[in-house]
């Protein structure tokens, strides 16, 4: 799964990306009938597009 965060400043985009990472990584449980055994960050990229700082996070989701 890819999560793309955009912010008006580098700090803002990075702070939001860290919050997303904290909530997603190593999460386990049952979500809407799907049993998730783990979520891992597998890639992160940064970019600057049209006056927005971009953080692109790619997660691997393991399903039981």
C-alpha atoms as a PDB file:
ATOM      1  CA  UNK A   1       0.000   0.000   0.000  1.00  0.00           C
ATOM      2  CA  UNK A   2       1.253   3.503  -0.743  1.00  0.00           C
ATOM      3  CA  UNK A   3       0.465   6.496   1.427  1.00  0.00           C
ATOM      4  CA  UNK A   4       1.277   9.915   0.024  1.00  0.00           C
ATOM      5  CA  UNK A   5       1.545  12.884   2.374  1.00  0.00           C
ATOM      6  CA  UNK A   6       1.728  16.486   1.135  1.00  0.00           C
ATOM      7  CA  UNK A   7       2.569  19.537   3.208  1.00  0.00           C
ATOM      8  CA  UNK A   8       3.211  23.216   2.666  1.00  0.00           C
ATOM      9  CA  UNK A   9       6.562  22.879   4.468  1.00  0.00           C
ATOM     10  CA  UNK A  10       9.106  20.085   4.689  1.00  0.00           C
ATOM     11  CA  UNK A  11       8.650  19.902   8.480  1.00  0.00           C
ATOM     12  CA  UNK A  12       4.863  19.600   8.163  1.00  0.00           C
ATOM     13  CA  UNK A  13       5.057  16.788   5.592  1.00  0.00           C
ATOM     14  CA  UNK A  14       7.672  14.945   7.634  1.00  0.00           C
ATOM     15  CA  UNK A  15       5.671  15.279  10.860  1.00  0.00           C
ATOM     16  CA  UNK A  16       2.515  13.886   9.236  1.00  0.00           C
ATOM     17  CA  UNK A  17       4.499  11.043   7.621  1.00  0.00           C
ATOM     18  CA  UNK A  18       5.952  10.135  11.037  1.00  0.00           C
ATOM     19  CA  UNK A  19       2.429  10.020  12.492  1.00  0.00           C
ATOM     20  CA  UNK A  20       1.248   7.746   9.660  1.00  0.00           C
ATOM     21  CA  UNK A  21       4.273   5.506  10.159  1.00  0.00           C
ATOM     22  CA  UNK A  22       3.650   5.314  13.908  1.00  0.00           C
ATOM     23  CA  UNK A  23       0.047   4.229  13.403  1.00  0.00           C
ATOM     24  CA  UNK A  24       0.698   1.783  10.568  1.00  0.00           C
ATOM     25  CA  UNK A  25       3.987  -0.009  11.177  1.00  0.00           C
ATOM     26  CA  UNK A  26       3.810  -3.315  13.093  1.00  0.00           C
ATOM     27  CA  UNK A  27       0.009  -3.078  13.351  1.00  0.00           C
ATOM     28  CA  UNK A  28      -1.840  -6.362  13.841  1.00  0.00           C
ATOM     29  CA  UNK A  29      -5.468  -7.281  14.211  1.00  0.00           C
ATOM     30  CA  UNK A  30      -8.778  -7.803  12.498  1.00  0.00           C
ATOM     31  CA  UNK A  31      -9.969  -4.932  10.293  1.00  0.00           C
ATOM     32  CA  UNK A  32     -13.309  -5.200   8.504  1.00  0.00           C
ATOM     33  CA  UNK A  33     -13.047  -8.996   8.394  1.00  0.00           C
ATOM     34  CA  UNK A  34      -9.413  -9.070   7.243  1.00  0.00           C
ATOM     35  CA  UNK A  35      -6.833 -10.519   9.619  1.00  0.00           C
ATOM     36  CA  UNK A  36      -3.600  -8.521   9.386  1.00  0.00           C
ATOM     37  CA  UNK A  37      -0.524 -10.180  10.864  1.00  0.00           C
ATOM     38  CA  UNK A  38       1.848  -7.233  10.325  1.00  0.00           C
ATOM     39  CA  UNK A  39       2.439  -4.022   8.427  1.00  0.00           C
ATOM     40  CA  UNK A  40       6.013  -3.030   7.527  1.00  0.00           C
ATOM     41  CA  UNK A  41       7.459   0.065   5.882  1.00  0.00           C
ATOM     42  CA  UNK A  42       9.383  -1.129   2.806  1.00  0.00           C
ATOM     43  CA  UNK A  43      10.217   2.179   1.090  1.00  0.00           C
ATOM     44  CA  UNK A  44      10.070   5.926   1.625  1.00  0.00           C
ATOM     45  CA  UNK A  45      10.662   8.686  -0.913  1.00  0.00           C
ATOM     46  CA  UNK A  46      10.635  12.476  -0.804  1.00  0.00           C
ATOM     47  CA  UNK A  47       9.749  14.943  -3.532  1.00  0.00           C
ATOM     48  CA  UNK A  48       8.806  18.563  -4.106  1.00  0.00           C
ATOM     49  CA  UNK A  49       5.976  19.122  -6.591  1.00  0.00           C
ATOM     50  CA  UNK A  50       4.042  22.329  -7.325  1.00  0.00           C
ATOM     51  CA  UNK A  51       4.937  24.083  -4.050  1.00  0.00           C
ATOM     52  CA  UNK A  52       4.202  20.968  -1.951  1.00  0.00           C
ATOM     53  CA  UNK A  53       6.607  18.773  -0.019  1.00  0.00           C
ATOM     54  CA  UNK A  54       5.765  15.118  -0.629  1.00  0.00           C
ATOM     55  CA  UNK A  55       6.483  12.060   1.526  1.00  0.00           C
ATOM     56  CA  UNK A  56       5.627   8.766  -0.164  1.00  0.00           C
ATOM     57  CA  UNK A  57       5.507   5.754   2.163  1.00  0.00           C
ATOM     58  CA  UNK A  58       5.182   2.203   0.839  1.00  0.00           C
ATOM     59  CA  UNK A  59       3.976  -0.488   3.239  1.00  0.00           C
ATOM     60  CA  UNK A  60       3.869  -4.269   2.937  1.00  0.00           C
ATOM     61  CA  UNK A  61       0.734  -5.723   4.553  1.00  0.00           C
ATOM     62  CA  UNK A  62       0.833  -9.381   5.606  1.00  0.00           C
ATOM     63  CA  UNK A  63      -2.584 -11.023   5.743  1.00  0.00           C
ATOM     64  CA  UNK A  64      -3.271 -14.293   7.560  1.00  0.00           C
END
